[in-house]
Structures are given as structure tokens and as C-alpha cells.
Amino acid sequence: MNAFRKFCVEIMPLDDERLNEARVVIGFWNYAVADQELIGVYDQAISRWRDQMLSYLHTAAEAGEINPSCDLDAFLDLAMATLMGLQINAIFAARLTTPSRQLRILDGLIAGLQTGTS
């Protein structure tokens, strides 16, 4: 589970560098929305992230760190949507999307995997 959490933390806009990365991503969406080739680039990048994250989740499940009743694909959908939302909110609602709140959200998601409530 530690590898999954570390991967998520690297994506999350917790500091100035990653806030700038989020700004680039959001700006990219503006251009990509009308360009199928750019949409494909984004889709490939997100697919790689998803595959890596799913690998970490399967490893954690095999180690008994995840409640067996959890649907890992559904959880990953939730995690990906949350991470993308945090990038947007950290830029447009920074007061409500502090690093500590972001980490609390992530840890809540992970806790749900462990208890079977996610």
C-alpha cells in the first residue's frame, strides 16, 4: 500500500512544483479538448498511471493490506477522479485544498480499502 500512496503523493499538488505541474495539465486540457491526437497522448499517459497504480494495489492485496471485498477497479476509478479533482481544486480553490487536506483525503481513501468501505 505504501507504493500506491507514494505514487499518489507524487501526483498531488502539495507544493509549488506540483502546483505548477497542475497548471500545465489544466492548460493542456484547454488545447487538447479540440485535438484528437492530444487527447490520445493524455489517454496514454493516464493509462500508464492507471496500470502502475493497479499493479501497486494488486501487490497490496496479495500482501493482505486490502480488504478482499474491495473492487480494485472501482476504487482506482475513484482514486483517479480524486487526484484529477485535487489538481483542479488546488489551483481554483486553494484555501480549501491545502496539502494537509489533500493528504487526509488520500489517507481516507486508503483506509476505506483496508476496511472494505471504499
C-alpha atoms as a PDB file:
ATOM      1  CA  MET A   1       0.000   0.000   0.000  1.00  0.00           C
ATOM      2  CA  ASN A   2       2.942   2.243   0.648  1.00  0.00           C
ATOM      3  CA  ALA A   3       3.941   2.226  -3.043  1.00  0.00           C
ATOM      4  CA  PHE A   4       0.401   3.196  -4.087  1.00  0.00           C
ATOM      5  CA  ARG A   5       0.325   6.048  -1.574  1.00  0.00           C
ATOM      6  CA  LYS A   6       3.755   7.321  -2.650  1.00  0.00           C
ATOM      7  CA  PHE A   7       2.684   7.288  -6.300  1.00  0.00           C
ATOM      8  CA  CYS A   8      -0.441   9.294  -5.478  1.00  0.00           C
ATOM      9  CA  VAL A   9       1.529  11.781  -3.391  1.00  0.00           C
ATOM     10  CA  GLU A  10       3.807  12.414  -6.374  1.00  0.00           C
ATOM     11  CA  ILE A  11       0.778  13.360  -8.473  1.00  0.00           C
ATOM     12  CA  MET A  12      -0.906  15.502  -5.840  1.00  0.00           C
ATOM     13  CA  PRO A  13      -0.274  19.273  -5.967  1.00  0.00           C
ATOM     14  CA  LEU A  14       1.247  19.502  -2.480  1.00  0.00           C
ATOM     15  CA  ASP A  15       3.968  22.054  -3.204  1.00  0.00           C
ATOM     16  CA  ASP A  16       4.825  24.829  -5.657  1.00  0.00           C
ATOM     17  CA  GLU A  17       6.455  22.485  -8.163  1.00  0.00           C
ATOM     18  CA  ARG A  18       3.452  20.189  -8.363  1.00  0.00           C
ATOM     19  CA  LEU A  19       1.055  23.144  -8.379  1.00  0.00           C
ATOM     20  CA  ASN A  20       2.881  24.368 -11.473  1.00  0.00           C
ATOM     21  CA  GLU A  21       2.586  20.894 -12.988  1.00  0.00           C
ATOM     22  CA  ALA A  22      -1.164  21.028 -12.313  1.00  0.00           C
ATOM     23  CA  ARG A  23      -1.342  24.391 -14.092  1.00  0.00           C
ATOM     24  CA  VAL A  24       0.357  22.836 -17.121  1.00  0.00           C
ATOM     25  CA  VAL A  25      -2.076  19.906 -17.108  1.00  0.00           C
ATOM     26  CA  ILE A  26      -5.094  22.179 -16.854  1.00  0.00           C
ATOM     27  CA  GLY A  27      -3.723  24.359 -19.669  1.00  0.00           C
ATOM     28  CA  PHE A  28      -3.087  21.244 -21.744  1.00  0.00           C
ATOM     29  CA  TRP A  29      -6.748  20.251 -21.397  1.00  0.00           C
ATOM     30  CA  ASN A  30      -7.749  23.571 -22.939  1.00  0.00           C
ATOM     31  CA  TYR A  31      -5.770  22.771 -26.088  1.00  0.00           C
ATOM     32  CA  ALA A  32      -6.419  19.045 -26.148  1.00  0.00           C
ATOM     33  CA  VAL A  33     -10.191  19.255 -25.981  1.00  0.00           C
ATOM     34  CA  ALA A  34     -10.322  20.008 -29.721  1.00  0.00           C
ATOM     35  CA  ASP A  35      -7.385  17.848 -30.819  1.00  0.00           C
ATOM     36  CA  GLN A  36      -7.842  14.073 -31.033  1.00  0.00           C
ATOM     37  CA  GLU A  37      -4.094  13.484 -31.180  1.00  0.00           C
ATOM     38  CA  LEU A  38      -3.546  15.361 -27.903  1.00  0.00           C
ATOM     39  CA  ILE A  39      -6.485  13.556 -26.338  1.00  0.00           C
ATOM     40  CA  GLY A  40      -4.724  10.324 -27.304  1.00  0.00           C
ATOM     41  CA  VAL A  41      -1.479  11.475 -25.688  1.00  0.00           C
ATOM     42  CA  TYR A  42      -3.325  12.266 -22.480  1.00  0.00           C
ATOM     43  CA  ASP A  43      -5.218   8.965 -22.576  1.00  0.00           C
ATOM     44  CA  GLN A  44      -1.971   7.024 -22.982  1.00  0.00           C
ATOM     45  CA  ALA A  45      -0.350   8.835 -20.061  1.00  0.00           C
ATOM     46  CA  ILE A  46      -3.348   8.263 -17.807  1.00  0.00           C
ATOM     47  CA  SER A  47      -3.497   4.609 -18.874  1.00  0.00           C
ATOM     48  CA  ARG A  48       0.141   4.159 -17.847  1.00  0.00           C
ATOM     49  CA  TRP A  49      -0.573   5.767 -14.465  1.00  0.00           C
ATOM     50  CA  ARG A  50      -3.619   3.568 -14.017  1.00  0.00           C
ATOM     51  CA  ASP A  51      -1.712   0.388 -14.904  1.00  0.00           C
ATOM     52  CA  GLN A  52       1.072   1.245 -12.455  1.00  0.00           C
ATOM     53  CA  MET A  53      -1.382   2.110  -9.695  1.00  0.00           C
ATOM     54  CA  LEU A  54      -3.371  -1.077 -10.274  1.00  0.00           C
ATOM     55  CA  SER A  55      -0.149  -3.069 -10.042  1.00  0.00           C
ATOM     56  CA  TYR A  56       0.564  -1.474  -6.651  1.00  0.00           C
ATOM     57  CA  LEU A  57      -2.968  -2.266  -5.495  1.00  0.00           C
ATOM     58  CA  HIS A  58      -2.700  -5.907  -6.578  1.00  0.00           C
ATOM     59  CA  THR A  59       0.606  -6.209  -4.709  1.00  0.00           C
ATOM     60  CA  ALA A  60      -1.005  -4.715  -1.594  1.00  0.00           C
ATOM     61  CA  ALA A  61      -3.986  -7.074  -1.955  1.00  0.00           C
ATOM     62  CA  GLU A  62      -1.685 -10.078  -2.243  1.00  0.00           C
ATOM     63  CA  ALA A  63       0.085  -8.902   0.925  1.00  0.00           C
ATOM     64  CA  GLY A  64      -3.237  -8.799   2.767  1.00  0.00           C
ATOM     65  CA  GLU A  65      -3.234  -4.996   3.073  1.00  0.00           C
ATOM     66  CA  ILE A  66      -6.587  -4.585   1.318  1.00  0.00           C
ATOM     67  CA  ASN A  67      -9.930  -5.964   2.376  1.00  0.00           C
ATOM     68  CA  PRO A  68     -10.737  -8.769  -0.104  1.00  0.00           C
ATOM     69  CA  SER A  69     -14.271  -7.437  -0.609  1.00  0.00           C
ATOM     70  CA  CYS A  70     -12.958  -4.270  -2.315  1.00  0.00           C
ATOM     71  CA  ASP A  71     -13.388  -3.830  -6.052  1.00  0.00           C
ATOM     72  CA  LEU A  72      -9.934  -2.577  -7.055  1.00  0.00           C
ATOM     73  CA  ASP A  73     -11.069  -1.298 -10.463  1.00  0.00           C
ATOM     74  CA  ALA A  74     -13.864   0.751  -8.920  1.00  0.00           C
ATOM     75  CA  PHE A  75     -11.514   2.035  -6.237  1.00  0.00           C
ATOM     76  CA  LEU A  76      -8.983   3.042  -8.855  1.00  0.00           C
ATOM     77  CA  ASP A  77     -11.676   4.962 -10.748  1.00  0.00           C
ATOM     78  CA  LEU A  78     -12.406   6.842  -7.533  1.00  0.00           C
ATOM     79  CA  ALA A  79      -8.725   7.473  -6.822  1.00  0.00           C
ATOM     80  CA  MET A  80      -8.026   8.747 -10.345  1.00  0.00           C
ATOM     81  CA  ALA A  81     -11.027  11.083 -10.258  1.00  0.00           C
ATOM     82  CA  THR A  82      -9.954  12.324  -6.844  1.00  0.00           C
ATOM     83  CA  LEU A  83      -6.397  13.011  -7.978  1.00  0.00           C
ATOM     84  CA  MET A  84      -7.583  14.933 -11.037  1.00  0.00           C
ATOM     85  CA  GLY A  85     -10.044  16.861  -8.884  1.00  0.00           C
ATOM     86  CA  LEU A  86      -7.324  17.771  -6.409  1.00  0.00           C
ATOM     87  CA  GLN A  87      -5.238  19.232  -9.231  1.00  0.00           C
ATOM     88  CA  ILE A  88      -8.131  21.442 -10.285  1.00  0.00           C
ATOM     89  CA  ASN A  89      -9.154  22.412  -6.763  1.00  0.00           C
ATOM     90  CA  ALA A  90      -5.610  23.191  -5.652  1.00  0.00           C
ATOM     91  CA  ILE A  91      -5.492  25.851  -8.373  1.00  0.00           C
ATOM     92  CA  PHE A  92      -9.031  27.223  -8.213  1.00  0.00           C
ATOM     93  CA  ALA A  93      -9.931  26.595  -4.551  1.00  0.00           C
ATOM     94  CA  ALA A  94      -6.533  26.618  -2.872  1.00  0.00           C
ATOM     95  CA  ARG A  95      -7.885  27.725   0.501  1.00  0.00           C
ATOM     96  CA  LEU A  96      -9.973  24.563   0.669  1.00  0.00           C
ATOM     97  CA  THR A  97      -7.390  22.260  -0.893  1.00  0.00           C
ATOM     98  CA  THR A  98      -4.404  22.592   1.398  1.00  0.00           C
ATOM     99  CA  PRO A  99      -1.710  19.917   1.408  1.00  0.00           C
ATOM    100  CA  SER A 100      -2.916  18.591   4.756  1.00  0.00           C
ATOM    101  CA  ARG A 101      -6.496  18.288   3.489  1.00  0.00           C
ATOM    102  CA  GLN A 102      -5.312  16.551   0.325  1.00  0.00           C
ATOM    103  CA  LEU A 103      -3.332  14.015   2.353  1.00  0.00           C
ATOM    104  CA  ARG A 104      -6.317  13.469   4.645  1.00  0.00           C
ATOM    105  CA  ILE A 105      -8.463  12.702   1.576  1.00  0.00           C
ATOM    106  CA  LEU A 106      -5.891  10.226   0.250  1.00  0.00           C
ATOM    107  CA  ASP A 107      -5.492   8.532   3.602  1.00  0.00           C
ATOM    108  CA  GLY A 108      -9.280   8.282   3.915  1.00  0.00           C
ATOM    109  CA  LEU A 109      -9.498   6.565   0.544  1.00  0.00           C
ATOM    110  CA  ILE A 110      -6.757   4.133   1.523  1.00  0.00           C
ATOM    111  CA  ALA A 111      -8.379   3.446   4.894  1.00  0.00           C
ATOM    112  CA  GLY A 112     -11.557   2.531   3.041  1.00  0.00           C
ATOM    113  CA  LEU A 113      -9.630  -0.105   1.115  1.00  0.00           C
ATOM    114  CA  GLN A 114      -8.358  -1.600   4.306  1.00  0.00           C
ATOM    115  CA  THR A 115     -11.758  -1.692   5.996  1.00  0.00           C
ATOM    116  CA  GLY A 116     -13.767  -2.580   2.923  1.00  0.00           C
ATOM    117  CA  THR A 117     -15.743   0.659   2.823  1.00  0.00           C
ATOM    118  CA  SER A 118     -14.216   2.019  -0.413  1.00  0.00           C
END
